[in-house]
């Protein structure tokens, strides 16, 4: 995982530190999603349990960018 991540696997369990939006924003800014990005986002989502509509829209942004070719899947 690159050093520009503010979040790590060890901080996933601290809900105050980790939210969906900053992770999605970082992925979209970079224009690519790695296996590590996917694992971090998935872990946050599954740990959070109750995803609200705002967080769901953030995740859907990733799918939209993949479908339109704006986001590349790398190191899979």
N, C-alpha and C. Protein backbone atom coordinates (compact mmCIF):
# COMPACT_ATOMS: atom_id res chain seq x y z
N UNK A 1 0.84 -1.16 0.00
CA UNK A 1 0.00 0.00 0.00
C UNK A 1 0.89 1.24 0.00
N UNK A 2 0.51 2.23 -0.75
CA UNK A 2 1.38 3.39 -0.88
C UNK A 2 1.37 4.23 0.40
N UNK A 3 2.39 5.04 0.53
CA UNK A 3 2.56 5.82 1.75
C UNK A 3 1.59 6.99 1.84
N UNK A 4 0.88 7.34 0.75
CA UNK A 4 -0.03 8.47 0.82
C UNK A 4 -1.39 8.10 1.41
N UNK A 5 -1.55 6.86 1.84
CA UNK A 5 -2.79 6.47 2.50
C UNK A 5 -2.81 7.01 3.92
N UNK A 6 -3.91 7.63 4.29
CA UNK A 6 -4.09 8.06 5.67
C UNK A 6 -4.60 6.90 6.50
N UNK A 7 -5.09 5.89 5.83
CA UNK A 7 -5.72 4.77 6.51
C UNK A 7 -4.91 3.51 6.29
N UNK A 8 -4.94 2.65 7.24
CA UNK A 8 -4.27 1.37 7.11
C UNK A 8 -5.19 0.31 7.65
N UNK A 9 -4.81 -0.93 7.43
CA UNK A 9 -5.63 -2.01 7.92
C UNK A 9 -5.79 -1.94 9.43
N UNK A 10 -4.78 -1.47 10.14
CA UNK A 10 -4.86 -1.41 11.59
C UNK A 10 -5.83 -0.34 12.07
N UNK A 11 -6.10 0.67 11.25
CA UNK A 11 -7.00 1.73 11.69
C UNK A 11 -8.43 1.51 11.22
N UNK A 12 -8.69 0.43 10.51
CA UNK A 12 -10.03 0.17 10.00
C UNK A 12 -11.04 0.11 11.14
N UNK A 13 -10.63 -0.41 12.25
CA UNK A 13 -11.57 -0.62 13.34
C UNK A 13 -11.87 0.64 14.14
N UNK A 14 -11.21 1.72 13.81
CA UNK A 14 -11.52 2.99 14.44
C UNK A 14 -12.43 3.78 13.51
N UNK A 15 -13.72 3.68 13.76
CA UNK A 15 -14.70 4.28 12.87
C UNK A 15 -14.54 5.79 12.75
N UNK A 16 -14.06 6.44 13.79
CA UNK A 16 -13.88 7.89 13.73
C UNK A 16 -12.77 8.26 12.75
N UNK A 17 -11.81 7.37 12.53
CA UNK A 17 -10.70 7.66 11.62
C UNK A 17 -11.02 7.31 10.17
N UNK A 18 -11.88 6.32 9.97
CA UNK A 18 -12.05 5.77 8.64
C UNK A 18 -13.49 5.94 8.17
N UNK A 19 -13.63 6.57 7.03
CA UNK A 19 -14.93 6.68 6.39
C UNK A 19 -14.77 6.31 4.93
N UNK A 20 -15.87 6.09 4.27
CA UNK A 20 -15.84 5.67 2.88
C UNK A 20 -15.36 6.79 1.95
N UNK A 21 -15.84 8.01 2.14
CA UNK A 21 -15.57 9.10 1.21
C UNK A 21 -14.08 9.37 0.96
N UNK A 22 -13.25 9.51 1.98
CA UNK A 22 -11.83 9.77 1.69
C UNK A 22 -11.16 8.65 0.90
N UNK A 23 -11.57 7.42 1.15
CA UNK A 23 -10.99 6.30 0.41
C UNK A 23 -11.42 6.35 -1.05
N UNK A 24 -12.71 6.58 -1.27
CA UNK A 24 -13.23 6.68 -2.64
C UNK A 24 -12.58 7.86 -3.35
N UNK A 25 -12.48 9.00 -2.69
CA UNK A 25 -11.86 10.18 -3.30
C UNK A 25 -10.42 9.89 -3.72
N UNK A 26 -9.66 9.20 -2.87
CA UNK A 26 -8.27 8.89 -3.18
C UNK A 26 -8.19 7.97 -4.40
N UNK A 27 -9.07 6.97 -4.46
CA UNK A 27 -9.08 6.04 -5.59
C UNK A 27 -9.41 6.80 -6.87
N UNK A 28 -10.44 7.63 -6.84
CA UNK A 28 -10.85 8.36 -8.04
C UNK A 28 -9.81 9.39 -8.47
N UNK A 29 -9.17 10.04 -7.49
CA UNK A 29 -8.11 11.00 -7.82
C UNK A 29 -6.96 10.33 -8.55
N UNK A 30 -6.62 9.12 -8.13
CA UNK A 30 -5.49 8.42 -8.74
C UNK A 30 -5.85 7.84 -10.11
N UNK A 31 -7.16 7.61 -10.35
CA UNK A 31 -7.59 7.06 -11.62
C UNK A 31 -7.38 5.55 -11.73
N UNK A 32 -7.04 4.93 -10.61
CA UNK A 32 -6.84 3.48 -10.62
C UNK A 32 -7.18 2.89 -9.26
N UNK A 33 -7.56 1.61 -9.30
CA UNK A 33 -7.88 0.92 -8.06
C UNK A 33 -7.11 -0.39 -8.02
N UNK A 34 -6.31 -0.53 -7.00
CA UNK A 34 -5.51 -1.75 -6.84
C UNK A 34 -6.25 -2.75 -5.96
N UNK A 35 -5.70 -3.92 -5.85
CA UNK A 35 -6.26 -4.94 -4.96
C UNK A 35 -6.26 -4.42 -3.52
N UNK A 36 -5.21 -3.69 -3.14
CA UNK A 36 -5.13 -3.14 -1.78
C UNK A 36 -6.22 -2.10 -1.55
N UNK A 37 -6.47 -1.24 -2.54
CA UNK A 37 -7.55 -0.26 -2.44
C UNK A 37 -8.88 -0.97 -2.22
N UNK A 38 -9.11 -1.98 -3.03
CA UNK A 38 -10.35 -2.75 -2.93
C UNK A 38 -10.48 -3.41 -1.56
N UNK A 39 -9.41 -4.00 -1.07
CA UNK A 39 -9.44 -4.67 0.23
C UNK A 39 -9.73 -3.68 1.36
N UNK A 40 -9.12 -2.52 1.31
CA UNK A 40 -9.34 -1.51 2.34
C UNK A 40 -10.78 -1.02 2.31
N UNK A 41 -11.28 -0.69 1.14
CA UNK A 41 -12.66 -0.21 1.01
C UNK A 41 -13.64 -1.28 1.46
N UNK A 42 -13.42 -2.51 1.05
CA UNK A 42 -14.30 -3.61 1.43
C UNK A 42 -14.29 -3.82 2.94
N UNK A 43 -13.12 -3.79 3.54
CA UNK A 43 -13.01 -3.97 4.99
C UNK A 43 -13.75 -2.87 5.74
N UNK A 44 -13.62 -1.64 5.28
CA UNK A 44 -14.31 -0.52 5.92
C UNK A 44 -15.82 -0.69 5.81
N UNK A 45 -16.28 -1.06 4.62
CA UNK A 45 -17.71 -1.24 4.40
C UNK A 45 -18.25 -2.38 5.27
N UNK A 46 -17.58 -3.50 5.29
CA UNK A 46 -18.07 -4.63 6.07
C UNK A 46 -17.98 -4.37 7.57
N UNK A 47 -16.99 -3.63 8.01
CA UNK A 47 -16.86 -3.32 9.42
C UNK A 47 -17.93 -2.33 9.88
N UNK A 48 -18.31 -1.43 8.99
CA UNK A 48 -19.25 -0.36 9.33
C UNK A 48 -20.67 -0.89 9.52
N UNK A 49 -21.00 -2.00 8.90
CA UNK A 49 -22.30 -2.68 9.01
C UNK A 49 -23.45 -1.91 8.38
N UNK A 50 -23.79 -0.74 8.87
CA UNK A 50 -24.92 0.02 8.35
C UNK A 50 -24.43 1.12 7.41
N UNK A 51 -24.44 0.83 6.13
CA UNK A 51 -24.02 1.81 5.14
C UNK A 51 -25.21 2.69 4.81
N UNK A 52 -25.04 3.98 4.95
CA UNK A 52 -26.15 4.88 4.64
C UNK A 52 -26.15 5.23 3.15
N UNK A 53 -27.15 5.95 2.74
CA UNK A 53 -27.32 6.29 1.32
C UNK A 53 -26.15 7.12 0.79
N UNK A 54 -25.64 8.01 1.61
CA UNK A 54 -24.51 8.86 1.21
C UNK A 54 -23.27 8.00 0.91
N UNK A 55 -22.99 7.03 1.78
CA UNK A 55 -21.85 6.14 1.57
C UNK A 55 -22.08 5.23 0.36
N UNK A 56 -23.31 4.78 0.17
CA UNK A 56 -23.64 3.95 -0.98
C UNK A 56 -23.39 4.72 -2.29
N UNK A 57 -23.75 6.00 -2.29
CA UNK A 57 -23.50 6.82 -3.49
C UNK A 57 -22.00 6.97 -3.76
N UNK A 58 -21.21 7.09 -2.69
CA UNK A 58 -19.76 7.18 -2.85
C UNK A 58 -19.20 5.92 -3.51
N UNK A 59 -19.64 4.77 -3.04
CA UNK A 59 -19.18 3.51 -3.61
C UNK A 59 -19.64 3.38 -5.06
N UNK A 60 -20.86 3.82 -5.34
CA UNK A 60 -21.36 3.77 -6.72
C UNK A 60 -20.55 4.65 -7.67
N UNK A 61 -19.92 5.69 -7.14
CA UNK A 61 -19.05 6.52 -7.97
C UNK A 61 -17.92 5.67 -8.56
N UNK A 62 -17.40 4.74 -7.78
CA UNK A 62 -16.33 3.86 -8.27
C UNK A 62 -16.85 3.01 -9.42
N UNK A 63 -18.02 2.40 -9.24
CA UNK A 63 -18.60 1.58 -10.30
C UNK A 63 -18.84 2.40 -11.56
N UNK A 64 -19.35 3.61 -11.40
CA UNK A 64 -19.59 4.49 -12.55
C UNK A 64 -18.29 4.79 -13.30
N UNK A 65 -17.24 5.07 -12.56
CA UNK A 65 -15.95 5.37 -13.19
C UNK A 65 -15.35 4.14 -13.88
N UNK A 66 -15.56 2.97 -13.31
CA UNK A 66 -15.08 1.75 -13.97
C UNK A 66 -15.84 1.55 -15.28
N UNK A 67 -17.16 1.70 -15.24
CA UNK A 67 -17.99 1.49 -16.43
C UNK A 67 -17.68 2.47 -17.55
N UNK A 68 -17.32 3.68 -17.19
CA UNK A 68 -17.03 4.69 -18.22
C UNK A 68 -15.56 4.71 -18.63
N UNK A 69 -14.77 3.85 -18.05
CA UNK A 69 -13.36 3.77 -18.40
C UNK A 69 -12.48 4.82 -17.75
N UNK A 70 -13.02 5.55 -16.80
CA UNK A 70 -12.26 6.59 -16.11
C UNK A 70 -11.41 6.04 -14.97
N UNK A 71 -11.66 4.78 -14.59
CA UNK A 71 -10.94 4.15 -13.49
C UNK A 71 -10.40 2.82 -13.97
N UNK A 72 -9.09 2.64 -13.82
CA UNK A 72 -8.46 1.39 -14.21
C UNK A 72 -8.27 0.50 -13.00
N UNK A 73 -8.44 -0.78 -13.21
CA UNK A 73 -8.17 -1.78 -12.19
C UNK A 73 -6.75 -2.27 -12.42
N UNK A 74 -5.89 -2.13 -11.41
CA UNK A 74 -4.48 -2.48 -11.57
C UNK A 74 -4.05 -3.47 -10.49
N UNK A 75 -2.97 -4.21 -10.80
CA UNK A 75 -2.37 -5.16 -9.84
C UNK A 75 -3.37 -6.15 -9.27
N UNK A 76 -4.25 -6.61 -10.13
CA UNK A 76 -5.25 -7.55 -9.68
C UNK A 76 -4.75 -8.90 -9.87
